[in-house]
Every structure is written in C-alpha cells, then in structure tokens.
C-alpha cells in the first residue's frame, strides 16, 4: 500500500510541475507580446525622431534669413541685387560674382549680442 501511496505522490507532484510549466509558458507568451509591442513602438519612434531631426535642420536653414531683423533683411536684398551695403562701398555695384566680407559682416555679423 505504501508503494501505491508513493506512486500517487509522484503523480501529484508531476501534475503540479506540469501546471506550473503551463502557467510559466503562458506568462512568457504574454511577455513576448509585450516585448514585441515595445519594440514596434521603439522602431516607430526612432523613425519619427529621425524625421523630426531632418525637419528641424531644414527649418533652421530656411529660417536663417528670418532670424535677421527687417533692416538687415533689406540690406541682404540689396546685396543680392548686386550692391555694396558696407560702410566702405555703400551703394556701389558689386562686380559679377564678387562677394564682400564687409557687406556680409554688415548683414550677418554681431547678431548674437543684440546689435542690429
């Protein structure tokens, strides 16, 4: 009789381990689904982040002239039309494809310290 009791305990123990294994497997499957969702969200956010960085870079380039005060924008327009805007040669025509460091400094220089 004790031998039958031992076999019954072994079987009961085996059933408990089997149930625990099933529970663990179910929890692992749930965890795998959660990991998949997190990885998909991470991939989407990475792509969106790269896209936003590109947009920011493009906007910074486009807004470079918008950062100029209106008076400096006017100087830039005159310079682009081929006229000096610097103190040295103001109003004189630029030679074809000529650039002037003084004019560029008058348009874009000293913007960081509040001078316009």
C-alpha atoms as a PDB file:
ATOM      1  CA  UNK A   1       0.000   0.000   0.000  1.00  0.00           C
ATOM      2  CA  UNK A   2       2.791   2.415   0.770  1.00  0.00           C
ATOM      3  CA  UNK A   3       4.183   1.798  -2.672  1.00  0.00           C
ATOM      4  CA  UNK A   4       0.863   2.897  -4.222  1.00  0.00           C
ATOM      5  CA  UNK A   5       0.907   5.976  -1.989  1.00  0.00           C
ATOM      6  CA  UNK A   6       4.417   6.855  -3.199  1.00  0.00           C
ATOM      7  CA  UNK A   7       3.357   6.499  -6.845  1.00  0.00           C
ATOM      8  CA  UNK A   8       0.349   8.705  -6.191  1.00  0.00           C
ATOM      9  CA  UNK A   9       2.531  11.409  -4.625  1.00  0.00           C
ATOM     10  CA  UNK A  10       4.897  11.271  -7.577  1.00  0.00           C
ATOM     11  CA  UNK A  11       1.994  11.611  -9.985  1.00  0.00           C
ATOM     12  CA  UNK A  12       0.522  14.515  -7.986  1.00  0.00           C
ATOM     13  CA  UNK A  13       3.892  16.212  -7.936  1.00  0.00           C
ATOM     14  CA  UNK A  14       4.259  15.693 -11.684  1.00  0.00           C
ATOM     15  CA  UNK A  15       0.813  17.263 -12.233  1.00  0.00           C
ATOM     16  CA  UNK A  16       1.779  20.317 -10.148  1.00  0.00           C
ATOM     17  CA  UNK A  17       5.024  20.766 -12.069  1.00  0.00           C
ATOM     18  CA  UNK A  18       3.118  20.403 -15.352  1.00  0.00           C
ATOM     19  CA  UNK A  19       0.605  23.078 -14.293  1.00  0.00           C
ATOM     20  CA  UNK A  20       3.402  25.395 -13.167  1.00  0.00           C
ATOM     21  CA  UNK A  21       5.132  24.882 -16.502  1.00  0.00           C
ATOM     22  CA  UNK A  22       1.910  25.705 -18.377  1.00  0.00           C
ATOM     23  CA  UNK A  23       1.458  28.851 -16.267  1.00  0.00           C
ATOM     24  CA  UNK A  24       5.052  29.866 -16.892  1.00  0.00           C
ATOM     25  CA  UNK A  25       4.653  29.280 -20.627  1.00  0.00           C
ATOM     26  CA  UNK A  26       1.522  31.433 -20.678  1.00  0.00           C
ATOM     27  CA  UNK A  27       3.303  34.237 -18.819  1.00  0.00           C
ATOM     28  CA  UNK A  28       6.250  34.005 -21.215  1.00  0.00           C
ATOM     29  CA  UNK A  29       3.914  34.278 -24.216  1.00  0.00           C
ATOM     30  CA  UNK A  30       2.292  37.382 -22.694  1.00  0.00           C
ATOM     31  CA  UNK A  31       5.712  38.853 -22.022  1.00  0.00           C
ATOM     32  CA  UNK A  32       6.773  38.117 -25.597  1.00  0.00           C
ATOM     33  CA  UNK A  33       3.719  40.013 -26.897  1.00  0.00           C
ATOM     34  CA  UNK A  34       4.548  42.971 -24.674  1.00  0.00           C
ATOM     35  CA  UNK A  35       8.172  42.966 -25.844  1.00  0.00           C
ATOM     36  CA  UNK A  36       7.017  42.885 -29.465  1.00  0.00           C
ATOM     37  CA  UNK A  37       4.730  45.875 -28.862  1.00  0.00           C
ATOM     38  CA  UNK A  38       7.523  47.823 -27.167  1.00  0.00           C
ATOM     39  CA  UNK A  39       9.987  47.052 -29.982  1.00  0.00           C
ATOM     40  CA  UNK A  40       7.467  48.117 -32.631  1.00  0.00           C
ATOM     41  CA  UNK A  41       6.767  51.355 -30.775  1.00  0.00           C
ATOM     42  CA  UNK A  42      10.507  51.952 -30.390  1.00  0.00           C
ATOM     43  CA  UNK A  43      11.043  51.475 -34.138  1.00  0.00           C
ATOM     44  CA  UNK A  44       8.209  53.891 -34.939  1.00  0.00           C
ATOM     45  CA  UNK A  45       9.546  56.488 -32.519  1.00  0.00           C
ATOM     46  CA  UNK A  46      13.066  56.130 -33.917  1.00  0.00           C
ATOM     47  CA  UNK A  47      11.784  56.763 -37.446  1.00  0.00           C
ATOM     48  CA  UNK A  48       9.675  59.698 -36.268  1.00  0.00           C
ATOM     49  CA  UNK A  49      12.659  61.120 -34.360  1.00  0.00           C
ATOM     50  CA  UNK A  50      14.881  60.942 -37.455  1.00  0.00           C
ATOM     51  CA  UNK A  51      12.150  62.622 -39.500  1.00  0.00           C
ATOM     52  CA  UNK A  52      11.793  65.410 -36.940  1.00  0.00           C
ATOM     53  CA  UNK A  53      15.569  65.962 -36.875  1.00  0.00           C
ATOM     54  CA  UNK A  54      15.504  66.377 -40.669  1.00  0.00           C
ATOM     55  CA  UNK A  55      12.602  68.833 -40.431  1.00  0.00           C
ATOM     56  CA  UNK A  56      14.396  70.836 -37.753  1.00  0.00           C
ATOM     57  CA  UNK A  57      17.545  71.018 -39.866  1.00  0.00           C
ATOM     58  CA  UNK A  58      15.532  72.142 -42.904  1.00  0.00           C
ATOM     59  CA  UNK A  59      13.648  74.757 -40.868  1.00  0.00           C
ATOM     60  CA  UNK A  60      16.885  76.125 -39.427  1.00  0.00           C
ATOM     61  CA  UNK A  61      18.256  76.610 -42.924  1.00  0.00           C
ATOM     62  CA  UNK A  62      15.014  78.215 -44.160  1.00  0.00           C
ATOM     63  CA  UNK A  63      14.705  80.469 -41.134  1.00  0.00           C
ATOM     64  CA  UNK A  64      18.268  81.761 -41.296  1.00  0.00           C
ATOM     65  CA  UNK A  65      17.132  84.869 -43.137  1.00  0.00           C
ATOM     66  CA  UNK A  66      14.041  85.143 -40.935  1.00  0.00           C
ATOM     67  CA  UNK A  67      16.347  85.489 -37.927  1.00  0.00           C
ATOM     68  CA  UNK A  68      17.604  88.755 -39.398  1.00  0.00           C
ATOM     69  CA  UNK A  69      15.941  91.986 -38.395  1.00  0.00           C
ATOM     70  CA  UNK A  70      13.931  93.694 -41.114  1.00  0.00           C
ATOM     71  CA  UNK A  71      16.698  96.261 -41.682  1.00  0.00           C
ATOM     72  CA  UNK A  72      19.267  93.503 -42.138  1.00  0.00           C
ATOM     73  CA  UNK A  73      16.878  91.672 -44.464  1.00  0.00           C
ATOM     74  CA  UNK A  74      16.689  94.848 -46.556  1.00  0.00           C
ATOM     75  CA  UNK A  75      20.489  95.028 -46.650  1.00  0.00           C
ATOM     76  CA  UNK A  76      20.598  91.386 -47.701  1.00  0.00           C
ATOM     77  CA  UNK A  77      18.161  92.058 -50.550  1.00  0.00           C
ATOM     78  CA  UNK A  78      20.256  94.996 -51.785  1.00  0.00           C
ATOM     79  CA  UNK A  79      23.406  92.882 -51.578  1.00  0.00           C
ATOM     80  CA  UNK A  80      21.726  90.050 -53.521  1.00  0.00           C
ATOM     81  CA  UNK A  81      20.740  92.619 -56.194  1.00  0.00           C
ATOM     82  CA  UNK A  82      24.429  93.435 -56.651  1.00  0.00           C
ATOM     83  CA  UNK A  83      25.050  96.479 -54.435  1.00  0.00           C
ATOM     84  CA  UNK A  84      27.514  97.017 -51.604  1.00  0.00           C
ATOM     85  CA  UNK A  85      25.867  97.559 -48.223  1.00  0.00           C
ATOM     86  CA  UNK A  86      29.043  98.039 -46.199  1.00  0.00           C
ATOM     87  CA  UNK A  87      30.224 101.432 -44.888  1.00  0.00           C
ATOM     88  CA  UNK A  88      33.251 101.388 -47.179  1.00  0.00           C
ATOM     89  CA  UNK A  89      31.495 100.987 -50.545  1.00  0.00           C
ATOM     90  CA  UNK A  90      27.794 101.518 -49.793  1.00  0.00           C
ATOM     91  CA  UNK A  91      25.652 101.794 -52.928  1.00  0.00           C
ATOM     92  CA  UNK A  92      28.425 100.890 -55.381  1.00  0.00           C
ATOM     93  CA  UNK A  93      27.859  97.961 -57.719  1.00  0.00           C
ATOM     94  CA  UNK A  94      29.486  94.604 -56.978  1.00  0.00           C
ATOM     95  CA  UNK A  95      31.446  93.084 -59.845  1.00  0.00           C
ATOM     96  CA  UNK A  96      29.919  89.942 -61.345  1.00  0.00           C
ATOM     97  CA  UNK A  97      30.193  87.047 -58.796  1.00  0.00           C
ATOM     98  CA  UNK A  98      32.045  89.334 -56.371  1.00  0.00           C
ATOM     99  CA  UNK A  99      31.490  88.964 -52.663  1.00  0.00           C
ATOM    100  CA  UNK A 100      32.385  91.470 -49.986  1.00  0.00           C
ATOM    101  CA  UNK A 101      33.360  90.434 -46.484  1.00  0.00           C
ATOM    102  CA  UNK A 102      32.443  93.854 -45.116  1.00  0.00           C
ATOM    103  CA  UNK A 103      28.946  93.600 -46.599  1.00  0.00           C
ATOM    104  CA  UNK A 104      28.470  90.096 -45.214  1.00  0.00           C
ATOM    105  CA  UNK A 105      29.602  91.311 -41.817  1.00  0.00           C
ATOM    106  CA  UNK A 106      27.132  94.215 -42.025  1.00  0.00           C
ATOM    107  CA  UNK A 107      24.307  91.779 -42.827  1.00  0.00           C
ATOM    108  CA  UNK A 108      25.124  88.741 -40.687  1.00  0.00           C
ATOM    109  CA  UNK A 109      27.717  89.938 -38.169  1.00  0.00           C
ATOM    110  CA  UNK A 110      27.213  90.580 -34.440  1.00  0.00           C
ATOM    111  CA  UNK A 111      23.726  89.065 -34.246  1.00  0.00           C
ATOM    112  CA  UNK A 112      24.385  87.190 -31.006  1.00  0.00           C
ATOM    113  CA  UNK A 113      24.935  90.240 -28.764  1.00  0.00           C
ATOM    114  CA  UNK A 114      21.731  92.101 -29.606  1.00  0.00           C
ATOM    115  CA  UNK A 115      23.265  94.534 -32.113  1.00  0.00           C
ATOM    116  CA  UNK A 116      21.221  95.065 -35.266  1.00  0.00           C
END
